[in-house]
C-alpha atoms as a PDB file:
ATOM      1  CA  MET A   1      39.575 -85.091  13.984  1.00  0.00           C
ATOM      2  CA  GLY A   2      42.000 -85.448  11.103  1.00  0.00           C
ATOM      3  CA  TYR A   3      41.879 -87.020   7.668  1.00  0.00           C
ATOM      4  CA  ARG A   4      42.989 -90.500   6.694  1.00  0.00           C
ATOM      5  CA  VAL A   5      45.520 -90.142   3.869  1.00  0.00           C
ATOM      6  CA  ALA A   6      47.139 -92.748   1.619  1.00  0.00           C
ATOM      7  CA  VAL A   7      50.262 -91.906  -0.383  1.00  0.00           C
ATOM      8  CA  VAL A   8      50.556 -94.142  -3.452  1.00  0.00           C
ATOM      9  CA  GLY A   9      54.111 -94.435  -4.743  1.00  0.00           C
ATOM     10  CA  ALA A  10      55.498 -93.613  -1.301  1.00  0.00           C
ATOM     11  CA  THR A  11      58.995 -94.956  -2.066  1.00  0.00           C
ATOM     12  CA  GLY A  12      59.580 -92.665  -5.074  1.00  0.00           C
ATOM     13  CA  ASN A  13      61.029 -89.141  -5.130  1.00  0.00           C
ATOM     14  CA  VAL A  14      57.653 -87.426  -5.223  1.00  0.00           C
ATOM     15  CA  GLY A  15      55.965 -89.834  -2.826  1.00  0.00           C
ATOM     16  CA  ARG A  16      58.624 -89.248  -0.183  1.00  0.00           C
ATOM     17  CA  GLU A  17      58.310 -85.508  -0.751  1.00  0.00           C
ATOM     18  CA  MET A  18      54.528 -85.741  -0.283  1.00  0.00           C
ATOM     19  CA  LEU A  19      55.101 -87.332   3.124  1.00  0.00           C
ATOM     20  CA  ASN A  20      57.578 -84.594   4.023  1.00  0.00           C
ATOM     21  CA  ILE A  21      55.198 -81.826   3.009  1.00  0.00           C
ATOM     22  CA  LEU A  22      52.192 -83.345   4.764  1.00  0.00           C
ATOM     23  CA  ASP A  23      54.276 -83.190   7.930  1.00  0.00           C
ATOM     24  CA  GLU A  24      55.838 -79.763   7.297  1.00  0.00           C
ATOM     25  CA  ARG A  25      52.493 -78.103   6.618  1.00  0.00           C
ATOM     26  CA  GLN A  26      50.866 -79.935   9.526  1.00  0.00           C
ATOM     27  CA  PHE A  27      48.134 -81.305   7.318  1.00  0.00           C
ATOM     28  CA  PRO A  28      45.446 -82.546   9.722  1.00  0.00           C
ATOM     29  CA  VAL A  29      45.859 -86.307   9.562  1.00  0.00           C
ATOM     30  CA  SER A  30      44.616 -89.024  11.851  1.00  0.00           C
ATOM     31  CA  GLU A  31      46.338 -91.754   9.848  1.00  0.00           C
ATOM     32  CA  VAL A  32      48.837 -91.882   6.985  1.00  0.00           C
ATOM     33  CA  THR A  33      49.357 -95.048   4.938  1.00  0.00           C
ATOM     34  CA  ALA A  34      52.335 -95.528   2.618  1.00  0.00           C
ATOM     35  CA  LEU A  35      51.493 -97.627  -0.450  1.00  0.00           C
ATOM     36  CA  ALA A  36      53.618 -98.982  -3.296  1.00  0.00           C
ATOM     37  CA  SER A  37      54.013-102.080  -5.437  1.00  0.00           C
ATOM     38  CA  LYS A  38      54.293-105.537  -3.895  1.00  0.00           C
ATOM     39  CA  ARG A  39      58.057-105.556  -4.407  1.00  0.00           C
ATOM     40  CA  SER A  40      58.333-102.448  -2.206  1.00  0.00           C
ATOM     41  CA  ALA A  41      55.996-103.736   0.507  1.00  0.00           C
ATOM     42  CA  GLY A  42      57.766-103.941   3.842  1.00  0.00           C
ATOM     43  CA  ARG A  43      60.170-101.098   3.111  1.00  0.00           C
ATOM     44  CA  GLN A  44      60.149 -98.177   5.505  1.00  0.00           C
ATOM     45  CA  VAL A  45      59.650 -94.477   4.794  1.00  0.00           C
ATOM     46  CA  SER A  46      59.676 -91.438   7.047  1.00  0.00           C
ATOM     47  CA  PHE A  47      56.725 -89.278   7.986  1.00  0.00           C
ATOM     48  CA  GLY A  48      57.965 -86.561  10.314  1.00  0.00           C
ATOM     49  CA  ASP A  49      59.410 -88.316  13.358  1.00  0.00           C
ATOM     50  CA  LYS A  50      57.496 -91.504  12.537  1.00  0.00           C
ATOM     51  CA  THR A  51      58.498 -94.462  10.415  1.00  0.00           C
ATOM     52  CA  LEU A  52      55.863 -96.011   8.161  1.00  0.00           C
ATOM     53  CA  THR A  53      55.990 -99.537   6.788  1.00  0.00           C
ATOM     54  CA  VAL A  54      55.003 -99.620   3.130  1.00  0.00           C
ATOM     55  CA  LYS A  55      51.934-101.690   2.266  1.00  0.00           C
ATOM     56  CA  ALA A  56      51.086-103.253  -1.106  1.00  0.00           C
ATOM     57  CA  LEU A  57      48.725-101.217  -3.230  1.00  0.00           C
ATOM     58  CA  ASP A  58      47.277-104.266  -4.992  1.00  0.00           C
ATOM     59  CA  ASP A  59      45.060-105.415  -2.154  1.00  0.00           C
ATOM     60  CA  PHE A  60      44.568-102.186  -0.201  1.00  0.00           C
ATOM     61  CA  ASP A  61      40.986-101.231   0.692  1.00  0.00           C
ATOM     62  CA  PHE A  62      40.500 -97.452   0.385  1.00  0.00           C
ATOM     63  CA  THR A  63      37.168 -97.525   2.231  1.00  0.00           C
ATOM     64  CA  GLY A  64      37.334 -94.921   4.998  1.00  0.00           C
ATOM     65  CA  THR A  65      40.362 -93.181   3.473  1.00  0.00           C
ATOM     66  CA  ASP A  66      39.665 -89.509   2.774  1.00  0.00           C
ATOM     67  CA  PHE A  67      42.486 -88.694   0.341  1.00  0.00           C
ATOM     68  CA  ALA A  68      44.716 -90.830  -1.877  1.00  0.00           C
ATOM     69  CA  LEU A  69      47.723 -88.944  -3.235  1.00  0.00           C
ATOM     70  CA  PHE A  70      48.941 -90.827  -6.310  1.00  0.00           C
ATOM     71  CA  SER A  71      52.464 -90.555  -7.685  1.00  0.00           C
ATOM     72  CA  ALA A  72      53.234 -93.954  -9.164  1.00  0.00           C
ATOM     73  CA  GLY A  73      52.866 -93.373 -12.907  1.00  0.00           C
ATOM     74  CA  GLY A  74      50.021 -93.292 -15.397  1.00  0.00           C
ATOM     75  CA  SER A  75      49.439 -97.036 -15.643  1.00  0.00           C
ATOM     76  CA  VAL A  76      49.028 -97.316 -11.864  1.00  0.00           C
ATOM     77  CA  SER A  77      46.674 -94.342 -11.791  1.00  0.00           C
ATOM     78  CA  GLU A  78      44.642 -95.748 -14.663  1.00  0.00           C
ATOM     79  CA  LYS A  79      44.111 -99.014 -12.809  1.00  0.00           C
ATOM     80  CA  TYR A  80      43.832 -97.990  -9.166  1.00  0.00           C
ATOM     81  CA  ALA A  81      42.563 -94.386  -9.069  1.00  0.00           C
ATOM     82  CA  PRO A  82      39.013 -95.428 -10.109  1.00  0.00           C
ATOM     83  CA  VAL A  83      39.111 -98.172  -7.477  1.00  0.00           C
ATOM     84  CA  ALA A  84      39.981 -95.699  -4.728  1.00  0.00           C
ATOM     85  CA  ALA A  85      37.448 -93.174  -6.035  1.00  0.00           C
ATOM     86  CA  SER A  86      34.678 -95.782  -6.138  1.00  0.00           C
ATOM     87  CA  GLN A  87      35.386 -96.601  -2.504  1.00  0.00           C
ATOM     88  CA  GLY A  88      34.680 -92.999  -1.488  1.00  0.00           C
ATOM     89  CA  CYS A  89      38.267 -91.727  -1.470  1.00  0.00           C
ATOM     90  CA  ILE A  90      39.178 -88.412  -3.137  1.00  0.00           C
ATOM     91  CA  VAL A  91      42.080 -89.108  -5.498  1.00  0.00           C
ATOM     92  CA  ILE A  92      44.658 -86.431  -6.297  1.00  0.00           C
ATOM     93  CA  ASP A  93      46.712 -87.801  -9.165  1.00  0.00           C
ATOM     94  CA  ASN A  94      50.186 -86.602 -10.082  1.00  0.00           C
ATOM     95  CA  SER A  95      50.417 -88.604 -13.334  1.00  0.00           C
ATOM     96  CA  SER A  96      49.400 -87.320 -16.759  1.00  0.00           C
ATOM     97  CA  PHE A  97      46.658 -89.905 -17.223  1.00  0.00           C
ATOM     98  CA  TYR A  98      43.614 -87.842 -16.145  1.00  0.00           C
ATOM     99  CA  ARG A  99      44.834 -84.311 -16.856  1.00  0.00           C
ATOM    100  CA  MET A 100      42.922 -83.786 -20.077  1.00  0.00           C
ATOM    101  CA  ASP A 101      39.814 -85.716 -19.016  1.00  0.00           C
ATOM    102  CA  PRO A 102      36.962 -83.159 -19.257  1.00  0.00           C
ATOM    103  CA  ASP A 103      35.385 -84.638 -16.127  1.00  0.00           C
ATOM    104  CA  VAL A 104      38.562 -84.272 -14.048  1.00  0.00           C
ATOM    105  CA  PRO A 105      39.615 -80.817 -12.834  1.00  0.00           C
ATOM    106  CA  LEU A 106      43.275 -79.884 -13.408  1.00  0.00           C
ATOM    107  CA  ILE A 107      44.235 -77.685 -10.483  1.00  0.00           C
ATOM    108  CA  VAL A 108      46.884 -75.258  -9.315  1.00  0.00           C
ATOM    109  CA  PRO A 109      45.347 -73.737  -6.176  1.00  0.00           C
ATOM    110  CA  GLU A 110      46.879 -70.271  -6.688  1.00  0.00           C
ATOM    111  CA  VAL A 111      45.468 -70.155 -10.224  1.00  0.00           C
ATOM    112  CA  ASN A 112      42.087 -71.911 -10.588  1.00  0.00           C
ATOM    113  CA  PRO A 113      40.833 -72.998  -7.143  1.00  0.00           C
ATOM    114  CA  GLN A 114      37.217 -72.587  -8.249  1.00  0.00           C
ATOM    115  CA  ASP A 115      37.572 -75.458 -10.731  1.00  0.00           C
ATOM    116  CA  VAL A 116      38.163 -77.996  -7.975  1.00  0.00           C
ATOM    117  CA  ALA A 117      34.399 -78.175  -7.430  1.00  0.00           C
ATOM    118  CA  GLY A 118      34.270 -80.496 -10.425  1.00  0.00           C
ATOM    119  CA  TYR A 119      35.988 -83.279  -8.471  1.00  0.00           C
ATOM    120  CA  THR A 120      32.599 -84.723  -7.521  1.00  0.00           C
ATOM    121  CA  ARG A 121      32.069 -86.023 -11.076  1.00  0.00           C
ATOM    122  CA  LYS A 122      34.720 -88.747 -10.711  1.00  0.00           C
ATOM    123  CA  ASN A 123      36.196 -88.161  -7.246  1.00  0.00           C
ATOM    124  CA  ILE A 124      39.504 -87.532  -9.046  1.00  0.00           C
ATOM    125  CA  ILE A 125      41.568 -84.335  -9.288  1.00  0.00           C
ATOM    126  CA  ALA A 126      44.614 -84.037 -11.554  1.00  0.00           C
ATOM    127  CA  ASN A 127      47.894 -82.365 -10.734  1.00  0.00           C
ATOM    128  CA  PRO A 128      49.590 -80.698 -13.735  1.00  0.00           C
ATOM    129  CA  ASN A 129      52.973 -81.403 -15.229  1.00  0.00           C
ATOM    130  CA  CYS A 130      55.841 -80.017 -13.140  1.00  0.00           C
ATOM    131  CA  SER A 131      56.924 -77.516 -15.781  1.00  0.00           C
ATOM    132  CA  THR A 132      53.333 -76.328 -16.272  1.00  0.00           C
ATOM    133  CA  ALA A 133      52.656 -75.831 -12.557  1.00  0.00           C
ATOM    134  CA  GLN A 134      55.345 -73.220 -11.973  1.00  0.00           C
ATOM    135  CA  LEU A 135      54.639 -71.502 -15.287  1.00  0.00           C
ATOM    136  CA  VAL A 136      50.910 -70.927 -14.715  1.00  0.00           C
ATOM    137  CA  VAL A 137      51.531 -69.529 -11.219  1.00  0.00           C
ATOM    138  CA  ALA A 138      53.520 -66.773 -12.950  1.00  0.00           C
ATOM    139  CA  LEU A 139      51.190 -66.328 -15.929  1.00  0.00           C
ATOM    140  CA  LYS A 140      47.831 -66.033 -14.153  1.00  0.00           C
ATOM    141  CA  PRO A 141      48.255 -62.670 -12.346  1.00  0.00           C
ATOM    142  CA  LEU A 142      49.745 -61.118 -15.485  1.00  0.00           C
ATOM    143  CA  HIS A 143      46.936 -62.548 -17.625  1.00  0.00           C
ATOM    144  CA  ASP A 144      44.335 -61.048 -15.287  1.00  0.00           C
ATOM    145  CA  ARG A 145      45.895 -57.612 -15.768  1.00  0.00           C
ATOM    146  CA  ALA A 146      46.892 -57.477 -19.451  1.00  0.00           C
ATOM    147  CA  LYS A 147      45.491 -60.618 -21.158  1.00  0.00           C
ATOM    148  CA  ILE A 148      48.125 -62.947 -22.567  1.00  0.00           C
ATOM    149  CA  LYS A 149      48.052 -63.656 -26.299  1.00  0.00           C
ATOM    150  CA  ARG A 150      51.119 -65.851 -26.756  1.00  0.00           C
ATOM    151  CA  VAL A 151      53.825 -67.508 -24.687  1.00  0.00           C
ATOM    152  CA  VAL A 152      57.171 -68.875 -25.877  1.00  0.00           C
ATOM    153  CA  VAL A 153      58.912 -70.914 -23.187  1.00  0.00           C
ATOM    154  CA  SER A 154      62.179 -72.834 -23.043  1.00  0.00           C
ATOM    155  CA  THR A 155      62.627 -75.125 -20.062  1.00  0.00           C
ATOM    156  CA  TYR A 156      65.745 -76.314 -18.257  1.00  0.00           C
ATOM    157  CA  GLN A 157      64.486 -79.378 -16.398  1.00  0.00           C
ATOM    158  CA  SER A 158      66.393 -81.316 -13.763  1.00  0.00           C
ATOM    159  CA  THR A 159      66.970 -85.055 -13.807  1.00  0.00           C
ATOM    160  CA  SER A 160      64.743 -85.648 -10.761  1.00  0.00           C
ATOM    161  CA  GLY A 161      61.788 -85.037 -13.075  1.00  0.00           C
ATOM    162  CA  ALA A 162      62.640 -88.394 -14.660  1.00  0.00           C
ATOM    163  CA  GLY A 163      62.960 -90.290 -11.370  1.00  0.00           C
ATOM    164  CA  ASN A 164      65.588 -91.943  -9.179  1.00  0.00           C
ATOM    165  CA  GLU A 165      67.227 -93.869 -12.011  1.00  0.00           C
ATOM    166  CA  ALA A 166      67.780 -90.645 -13.949  1.00  0.00           C
ATOM    167  CA  MET A 167      69.402 -88.910 -10.987  1.00  0.00           C
ATOM    168  CA  ASP A 168      71.657 -91.908 -10.457  1.00  0.00           C
ATOM    169  CA  GLU A 169      72.609 -91.811 -14.130  1.00  0.00           C
ATOM    170  CA  LEU A 170      73.707 -88.179 -13.871  1.00  0.00           C
ATOM    171  CA  PHE A 171      75.765 -88.948 -10.765  1.00  0.00           C
ATOM    172  CA  ASN A 172      77.406 -92.065 -12.195  1.00  0.00           C
ATOM    173  CA  GLN A 173      78.171 -90.521 -15.582  1.00  0.00           C
ATOM    174  CA  THR A 174      79.660 -87.397 -13.979  1.00  0.00           C
ATOM    175  CA  LYS A 175      81.856 -89.487 -11.682  1.00  0.00           C
ATOM    176  CA  GLY A 176      82.780 -91.850 -14.498  1.00  0.00           C
ATOM    177  CA  ILE A 177      83.926 -89.124 -16.881  1.00  0.00           C
ATOM    178  CA  TYR A 178      86.655 -88.119 -14.439  1.00  0.00           C
ATOM    179  CA  VAL A 179      88.131 -91.623 -14.607  1.00  0.00           C
ATOM    180  CA  ASN A 180      87.650 -91.959 -18.387  1.00  0.00           C
ATOM    181  CA  ASP A 181      84.650 -94.299 -18.230  1.00  0.00           C
ATOM    182  CA  GLU A 182      82.533 -94.166 -21.367  1.00  0.00           C
ATOM    183  CA  PRO A 183      79.069 -92.718 -20.497  1.00  0.00           C
ATOM    184  CA  THR A 184      76.323 -95.233 -21.250  1.00  0.00           C
ATOM    185  CA  PRO A 185      72.846 -93.682 -21.547  1.00  0.00           C
ATOM    186  CA  SER A 186      69.997 -95.660 -20.059  1.00  0.00           C
ATOM    187  CA  ALA A 187      67.382 -93.386 -18.506  1.00  0.00           C
ATOM    188  CA  PHE A 188      68.076 -90.753 -21.172  1.00  0.00           C
ATOM    189  CA  SER A 189      68.448 -90.889 -24.941  1.00  0.00           C
ATOM    190  CA  LYS A 190      71.946 -89.394 -24.834  1.00  0.00           C
ATOM    191  CA  GLN A 191      74.691 -88.596 -22.311  1.00  0.00           C
ATOM    192  CA  ILE A 192      73.312 -86.286 -19.600  1.00  0.00           C
ATOM    193  CA  ALA A 193      76.511 -85.447 -17.710  1.00  0.00           C
ATOM    194  CA  PHE A 194      78.038 -82.171 -18.976  1.00  0.00           C
ATOM    195  CA  ASN A 195      75.334 -82.042 -21.639  1.00  0.00           C
ATOM    196  CA  VAL A 196      71.783 -80.869 -22.335  1.00  0.00           C
ATOM    197  CA  ILE A 197      69.133 -82.949 -24.102  1.00  0.00           C
ATOM    198  CA  PRO A 198      66.217 -81.311 -26.017  1.00  0.00           C
ATOM    199  CA  HIS A 199      64.101 -84.418 -25.625  1.00  0.00           C
ATOM    200  CA  ILE A 200      61.686 -85.062 -22.728  1.00  0.00           C
ATOM    201  CA  ASP A 201      59.069 -87.787 -23.185  1.00  0.00           C
ATOM    202  CA  VAL A 202      58.306 -89.137 -26.674  1.00  0.00           C
ATOM    203  CA  PHE A 203      58.291 -87.288 -29.990  1.00  0.00           C
ATOM    204  CA  MET A 204      54.865 -86.758 -31.508  1.00  0.00           C
ATOM    205  CA  ASP A 205      53.762 -86.560 -35.147  1.00  0.00           C
ATOM    206  CA  ASP A 206      54.245 -82.778 -35.273  1.00  0.00           C
ATOM    207  CA  LYS A 207      57.881 -83.191 -34.070  1.00  0.00           C
ATOM    208  CA  PHE A 208      57.158 -81.639 -30.683  1.00  0.00           C
ATOM    209  CA  THR A 209      57.722 -83.836 -27.638  1.00  0.00           C
ATOM    210  CA  LYS A 210      54.868 -84.934 -25.417  1.00  0.00           C
ATOM    211  CA  GLU A 211      56.304 -82.780 -22.599  1.00  0.00           C
ATOM    212  CA  GLU A 212      55.993 -79.732 -24.858  1.00  0.00           C
ATOM    213  CA  TRP A 213      52.442 -80.728 -25.790  1.00  0.00           C
ATOM    214  CA  LYS A 214      51.558 -81.113 -22.104  1.00  0.00           C
ATOM    215  CA  MET A 215      52.673 -77.566 -21.343  1.00  0.00           C
ATOM    216  CA  THR A 216      50.514 -76.227 -24.150  1.00  0.00           C
ATOM    217  CA  VAL A 217      47.263 -78.060 -23.458  1.00  0.00           C
ATOM    218  CA  GLU A 218      47.538 -77.893 -19.676  1.00  0.00           C
ATOM    219  CA  THR A 219      48.120 -74.129 -19.675  1.00  0.00           C
ATOM    220  CA  LYS A 220      45.034 -73.704 -21.828  1.00  0.00           C
ATOM    221  CA  LYS A 221      42.924 -75.862 -19.499  1.00  0.00           C
ATOM    222  CA  ILE A 222      44.157 -74.178 -16.313  1.00  0.00           C
ATOM    223  CA  VAL A 223      44.425 -70.519 -17.339  1.00  0.00           C
ATOM    224  CA  ASP A 224      42.644 -69.735 -20.625  1.00  0.00           C
ATOM    225  CA  PRO A 225      42.038 -71.799 -23.786  1.00  0.00           C
ATOM    226  CA  ALA A 226      42.700 -68.694 -25.893  1.00  0.00           C
ATOM    227  CA  ILE A 227      46.370 -68.506 -24.902  1.00  0.00           C
ATOM    228  CA  LYS A 228      48.783 -69.646 -27.614  1.00  0.00           C
ATOM    229  CA  LEU A 229      51.851 -71.383 -26.216  1.00  0.00           C
ATOM    230  CA  THR A 230      54.870 -73.028 -27.780  1.00  0.00           C
ATOM    231  CA  ALA A 231      57.581 -74.778 -25.775  1.00  0.00           C
ATOM    232  CA  THR A 232      61.004 -76.352 -26.100  1.00  0.00           C
ATOM    233  CA  CYS A 233      61.669 -78.661 -23.165  1.00  0.00           C
ATOM    234  CA  VAL A 234      65.272 -79.492 -22.328  1.00  0.00           C
ATOM    235  CA  ARG A 235      66.781 -81.852 -19.752  1.00  0.00           C
ATOM    236  CA  VAL A 236      69.850 -80.379 -18.063  1.00  0.00           C
ATOM    237  CA  PRO A 237      72.482 -81.944 -15.747  1.00  0.00           C
ATOM    238  CA  THR A 238      71.077 -80.737 -12.421  1.00  0.00           C
ATOM    239  CA  PHE A 239      69.492 -82.899  -9.735  1.00  0.00           C
ATOM    240  CA  VAL A 240      66.534 -80.807  -8.520  1.00  0.00           C
ATOM    241  CA  GLY A 241      64.879 -77.574  -9.672  1.00  0.00           C
ATOM    242  CA  HIS A 242      63.326 -76.632 -12.998  1.00  0.00           C
ATOM    243  CA  ALA A 243      64.035 -73.294 -14.689  1.00  0.00           C
ATOM    244  CA  GLU A 244      62.149 -71.633 -17.529  1.00  0.00           C
ATOM    245  CA  ALA A 245      62.925 -68.721 -19.840  1.00  0.00           C
ATOM    246  CA  VAL A 246      59.527 -67.224 -20.662  1.00  0.00           C
ATOM    247  CA  ASN A 247      58.570 -64.696 -23.343  1.00  0.00           C
ATOM    248  CA  ILE A 248      55.016 -63.335 -23.094  1.00  0.00           C
ATOM    249  CA  GLU A 249      53.018 -61.245 -25.577  1.00  0.00           C
ATOM    250  CA  PHE A 250      50.006 -59.364 -24.158  1.00  0.00           C
ATOM    251  CA  GLU A 251      46.952 -57.746 -25.685  1.00  0.00           C
ATOM    252  CA  ASN A 252      47.389 -54.702 -23.439  1.00  0.00           C
ATOM    253  CA  GLU A 253      50.404 -52.682 -22.403  1.00  0.00           C
ATOM    254  CA  LEU A 254      52.216 -53.885 -19.288  1.00  0.00           C
ATOM    255  CA  SER A 255      55.528 -52.442 -18.144  1.00  0.00           C
ATOM    256  CA  ALA A 256      58.221 -54.471 -16.446  1.00  0.00           C
ATOM    257  CA  ASP A 257      57.838 -52.375 -13.294  1.00  0.00           C
ATOM    258  CA  GLU A 258      54.102 -52.989 -13.091  1.00  0.00           C
ATOM    259  CA  ALA A 259      54.562 -56.698 -13.794  1.00  0.00           C
ATOM    260  CA  ARG A 260      57.149 -56.850 -11.029  1.00  0.00           C
ATOM    261  CA  ASN A 261      54.710 -55.253  -8.576  1.00  0.00           C
ATOM    262  CA  ILE A 262      51.863 -57.562  -9.635  1.00  0.00           C
ATOM    263  CA  LEU A 263      54.005 -60.664  -9.207  1.00  0.00           C
ATOM    264  CA  ARG A 264      55.247 -59.508  -5.789  1.00  0.00           C
ATOM    265  CA  GLU A 265      51.635 -59.505  -4.578  1.00  0.00           C
ATOM    266  CA  ALA A 266      50.653 -62.782  -6.252  1.00  0.00           C
ATOM    267  CA  PRO A 267      50.221 -65.968  -4.178  1.00  0.00           C
ATOM    268  CA  GLY A 268      52.991 -68.545  -4.306  1.00  0.00           C
ATOM    269  CA  ILE A 269      55.537 -66.210  -5.939  1.00  0.00           C
ATOM    270  CA  MET A 270      58.777 -64.655  -4.720  1.00  0.00           C
ATOM    271  CA  VAL A 271      60.279 -61.940  -6.913  1.00  0.00           C
ATOM    272  CA  VAL A 272      64.080 -61.707  -6.737  1.00  0.00           C
ATOM    273  CA  ASP A 273      65.070 -59.293  -9.465  1.00  0.00           C
ATOM    274  CA  ASN A 274      68.198 -57.231  -8.998  1.00  0.00           C
ATOM    275  CA  PRO A 275      70.564 -58.491 -11.709  1.00  0.00           C
ATOM    276  CA  GLU A 276      73.223 -55.840 -11.077  1.00  0.00           C
ATOM    277  CA  GLU A 277      73.941 -57.526  -7.748  1.00  0.00           C
ATOM    278  CA  ASN A 278      73.350 -61.092  -8.976  1.00  0.00           C
ATOM    279  CA  GLY A 279      69.804 -60.821  -7.669  1.00  0.00           C
ATOM    280  CA  TYR A 280      68.269 -63.737  -9.546  1.00  0.00           C
ATOM    281  CA  ILE A 281      67.472 -67.311  -8.481  1.00  0.00           C
ATOM    282  CA  THR A 282      68.998 -70.476  -9.898  1.00  0.00           C
ATOM    283  CA  PRO A 283      67.762 -74.072  -9.459  1.00  0.00           C
ATOM    284  CA  VAL A 284      70.277 -74.827  -6.703  1.00  0.00           C
ATOM    285  CA  GLU A 285      68.890 -71.941  -4.645  1.00  0.00           C
ATOM    286  CA  CYS A 286      65.227 -72.973  -4.947  1.00  0.00           C
ATOM    287  CA  VAL A 287      65.611 -76.533  -3.645  1.00  0.00           C
ATOM    288  CA  GLY A 288      63.470 -77.208  -0.585  1.00  0.00           C
ATOM    289  CA  ASP A 289      61.437 -74.027  -0.979  1.00  0.00           C
ATOM    290  CA  TYR A 290      57.701 -73.753  -1.567  1.00  0.00           C
ATOM    291  CA  ALA A 291      57.819 -70.638  -3.742  1.00  0.00           C
ATOM    292  CA  THR A 292      58.000 -70.128  -7.480  1.00  0.00           C
ATOM    293  CA  PHE A 293      60.798 -67.602  -7.965  1.00  0.00           C
ATOM    294  CA  ILE A 294      60.638 -64.942 -10.682  1.00  0.00           C
ATOM    295  CA  SER A 295      63.706 -63.004 -11.814  1.00  0.00           C
ATOM    296  CA  ARG A 296      64.981 -60.990 -14.782  1.00  0.00           C
ATOM    297  CA  ILE A 297      61.660 -59.312 -15.616  1.00  0.00           C
ATOM    298  CA  ARG A 298      62.249 -57.074 -18.627  1.00  0.00           C
ATOM    299  CA  GLU A 299      60.437 -55.602 -21.593  1.00  0.00           C
ATOM    300  CA  ASP A 300      60.728 -57.133 -25.053  1.00  0.00           C
ATOM    301  CA  SER A 301      61.277 -54.328 -27.567  1.00  0.00           C
ATOM    302  CA  THR A 302      60.716 -56.628 -30.567  1.00  0.00           C
ATOM    303  CA  ILE A 303      56.928 -56.769 -30.060  1.00  0.00           C
ATOM    304  CA  GLU A 304      54.323 -54.225 -29.036  1.00  0.00           C
ATOM    305  CA  ASN A 305      53.405 -55.570 -25.607  1.00  0.00           C
ATOM    306  CA  GLY A 306      55.985 -58.100 -24.527  1.00  0.00           C
ATOM    307  CA  LEU A 307      57.897 -59.220 -21.458  1.00  0.00           C
ATOM    308  CA  HIS A 308      60.663 -61.670 -20.691  1.00  0.00           C
ATOM    309  CA  LEU A 309      61.050 -63.392 -17.325  1.00  0.00           C
ATOM    310  CA  TRP A 310      63.001 -66.187 -15.654  1.00  0.00           C
ATOM    311  CA  CYS A 311      60.994 -68.691 -13.572  1.00  0.00           C
ATOM    312  CA  VAL A 312      62.515 -71.243 -11.160  1.00  0.00           C
ATOM    313  CA  SER A 313      60.925 -73.753  -8.778  1.00  0.00           C
ATOM    314  CA  ASP A 314      61.647 -76.988  -6.940  1.00  0.00           C
ATOM    315  CA  ASN A 315      59.993 -79.483  -9.302  1.00  0.00           C
ATOM    316  CA  LEU A 316      59.555 -82.127  -6.609  1.00  0.00           C
ATOM    317  CA  ARG A 317      57.688 -79.600  -4.491  1.00  0.00           C
ATOM    318  CA  LYS A 318      55.596 -77.050  -6.400  1.00  0.00           C
ATOM    319  CA  GLY A 319      55.836 -79.140  -9.528  1.00  0.00           C
ATOM    320  CA  ALA A 320      54.425 -82.212  -7.814  1.00  0.00           C
ATOM    321  CA  ALA A 321      54.191 -82.936  -4.084  1.00  0.00           C
ATOM    322  CA  LEU A 322      53.447 -79.461  -2.747  1.00  0.00           C
ATOM    323  CA  ASN A 323      50.757 -78.772  -5.321  1.00  0.00           C
ATOM    324  CA  THR A 324      49.139 -82.128  -4.498  1.00  0.00           C
ATOM    325  CA  VAL A 325      49.015 -81.330  -0.777  1.00  0.00           C
ATOM    326  CA  GLN A 326      47.733 -77.815  -1.507  1.00  0.00           C
ATOM    327  CA  ILE A 327      44.871 -79.352  -3.495  1.00  0.00           C
ATOM    328  CA  ALA A 328      44.026 -81.612  -0.537  1.00  0.00           C
ATOM    329  CA  GLU A 329      44.091 -78.559   1.741  1.00  0.00           C
ATOM    330  CA  LEU A 330      41.765 -76.712  -0.634  1.00  0.00           C
ATOM    331  CA  VAL A 331      39.262 -79.566  -0.836  1.00  0.00           C
ATOM    332  CA  GLY A 332      39.340 -80.115   2.902  1.00  0.00           C
ATOM    333  CA  ARG A 333      38.888 -76.409   3.638  1.00  0.00           C
ATOM    334  CA  GLU A 334      36.224 -75.582   1.066  1.00  0.00           C
ATOM    335  CA  TYR A 335      34.247 -78.789   0.629  1.00  0.00           C
ATOM    336  CA  LEU A 336      34.710 -81.570   3.166  1.00  0.00           C
ATOM    337  CA  LYS A 337      34.461 -79.325   6.215  1.00  0.00           C
ATOM    338  CA  LYS A 338      31.478 -77.473   4.764  1.00  0.00           C
ATOM    339  CA  ALA A 339      29.771 -80.804   4.101  1.00  0.00           C
ATOM    340  CA  ALA A 340      30.444 -81.831   7.683  1.00  0.00           C
END
């Protein structure tokens, strides 16, 4: 007997990807319900070889639903996640709203699966920020071996991380430039076509953006609160796939060769690191894949125990939809089935 699953925000980029991944991974479902706002009710979305008609979230009764996978924004999660949870449904939320709630576990299954046990406090589990998810998959096995002191990361984040409107803006601006149309920013603060923008989410009082703050506090919650992390998050003119240039300082010595071997054995990671033959992964090459790809692992001679690496992942998958489904798999495997 399978689980009853509701996907909230089923018409968005991540919601559609959740439906794809539920099917691809053959998640044991008996029923899948696609939910969205009233204005999207009646639209159709695909689930494998089936077509689902979207229902309105506003009046949906979650009683009897096992999992609700939310990807409709923080305000929707704030309002409806407690409703679903109170009706006995386990909520896995892709928004930022619950991530730093001490009673809500923030989970990347390859990194801190043991923390998911805390879901019983609120019946809610948080999914981390897309840029954090791929980063911590790479950091955790290295931290276990040599203990990370400090991380400096620069991100190169695709427009899909900002939604459908942002992807359309990149397409339309790129096309328009070739016919001398003046680019008009809407989804972004400045022109995105043929440009990069060091501004994701709002600026905070300390002049860092909220995206940069998220990477810092989420890494501490997921991996180790003692890790110091500073980030610069940049939007780049690609459609899908986030890349990160990562500099890591360790307490203990760790060579590039040993790090390479550790990462090859780590869950969720593919090491492609042969730069002499263009053996490194770019965002275009990671699209549609489950893995977090690590390339260009090298020692940093400017500090005592330091490494550089390049980290790439499909942000709609590992950064959002895949991680959400993996959490559901973990809960189902370790808790619901045991309870049954």
